[in-house]
């Protein structure tokens, strides 16, 4: 088992945050397209 150094751990955390943010963006974008929110972009 390899021991992850600080750079790898930080990169993994940043990647996880980026993926979560992208998923939230896609979720909101889908809701806007479906018409749940009746506000123009």
C-alpha atoms as a PDB file:
ATOM      1  CA  UNK A   1       0.000   0.000   0.000  1.00  0.00           C
ATOM      2  CA  UNK A   2       1.490   3.311  -1.054  1.00  0.00           C
ATOM      3  CA  UNK A   3       1.526   6.166   1.421  1.00  0.00           C
ATOM      4  CA  UNK A   4      -0.011   9.249  -0.167  1.00  0.00           C
ATOM      5  CA  UNK A   5       1.966  12.425   0.361  1.00  0.00           C
ATOM      6  CA  UNK A   6       0.439  15.820   0.992  1.00  0.00           C
ATOM      7  CA  UNK A   7       0.339  16.853  -2.667  1.00  0.00           C
ATOM      8  CA  UNK A   8      -1.562  13.722  -3.688  1.00  0.00           C
ATOM      9  CA  UNK A   9      -4.036  14.095  -0.822  1.00  0.00           C
ATOM     10  CA  UNK A  10      -4.596  17.764  -1.628  1.00  0.00           C
ATOM     11  CA  UNK A  11      -5.088  16.936  -5.309  1.00  0.00           C
ATOM     12  CA  UNK A  12      -7.590  14.218  -4.415  1.00  0.00           C
ATOM     13  CA  UNK A  13      -9.553  16.607  -2.206  1.00  0.00           C
ATOM     14  CA  UNK A  14      -9.581  19.282  -4.918  1.00  0.00           C
ATOM     15  CA  UNK A  15     -10.732  16.709  -7.481  1.00  0.00           C
ATOM     16  CA  UNK A  16     -13.542  15.557  -5.193  1.00  0.00           C
ATOM     17  CA  UNK A  17     -14.672  19.143  -4.616  1.00  0.00           C
ATOM     18  CA  UNK A  18     -14.586  19.844  -8.355  1.00  0.00           C
ATOM     19  CA  UNK A  19     -16.660  16.742  -9.133  1.00  0.00           C
ATOM     20  CA  UNK A  20     -19.214  17.609  -6.444  1.00  0.00           C
ATOM     21  CA  UNK A  21     -19.484  21.188  -7.698  1.00  0.00           C
ATOM     22  CA  UNK A  22     -19.940  19.934 -11.266  1.00  0.00           C
ATOM     23  CA  UNK A  23     -22.688  17.531 -10.157  1.00  0.00           C
ATOM     24  CA  UNK A  24     -24.508  20.322  -8.305  1.00  0.00           C
ATOM     25  CA  UNK A  25     -24.187  22.543 -11.395  1.00  0.00           C
ATOM     26  CA  UNK A  26     -25.633  19.833 -13.646  1.00  0.00           C
ATOM     27  CA  UNK A  27     -28.458  19.221 -11.152  1.00  0.00           C
ATOM     28  CA  UNK A  28     -29.432  22.904 -11.018  1.00  0.00           C
ATOM     29  CA  UNK A  29     -29.056  23.249 -14.801  1.00  0.00           C
ATOM     30  CA  UNK A  30     -31.418  20.301 -15.293  1.00  0.00           C
ATOM     31  CA  UNK A  31     -33.965  21.808 -12.903  1.00  0.00           C
ATOM     32  CA  UNK A  32     -33.789  25.107 -14.797  1.00  0.00           C
ATOM     33  CA  UNK A  33     -34.306  23.324 -18.131  1.00  0.00           C
ATOM     34  CA  UNK A  34     -37.237  21.298 -16.810  1.00  0.00           C
ATOM     35  CA  UNK A  35     -38.835  24.511 -15.561  1.00  0.00           C
ATOM     36  CA  UNK A  36     -38.964  23.971 -11.800  1.00  0.00           C
ATOM     37  CA  UNK A  37     -37.700  27.490 -11.317  1.00  0.00           C
ATOM     38  CA  UNK A  38     -39.667  30.012 -13.344  1.00  0.00           C
ATOM     39  CA  UNK A  39     -36.840  32.525 -13.633  1.00  0.00           C
ATOM     40  CA  UNK A  40     -34.921  33.336 -16.789  1.00  0.00           C
ATOM     41  CA  UNK A  41     -31.201  32.616 -16.652  1.00  0.00           C
END
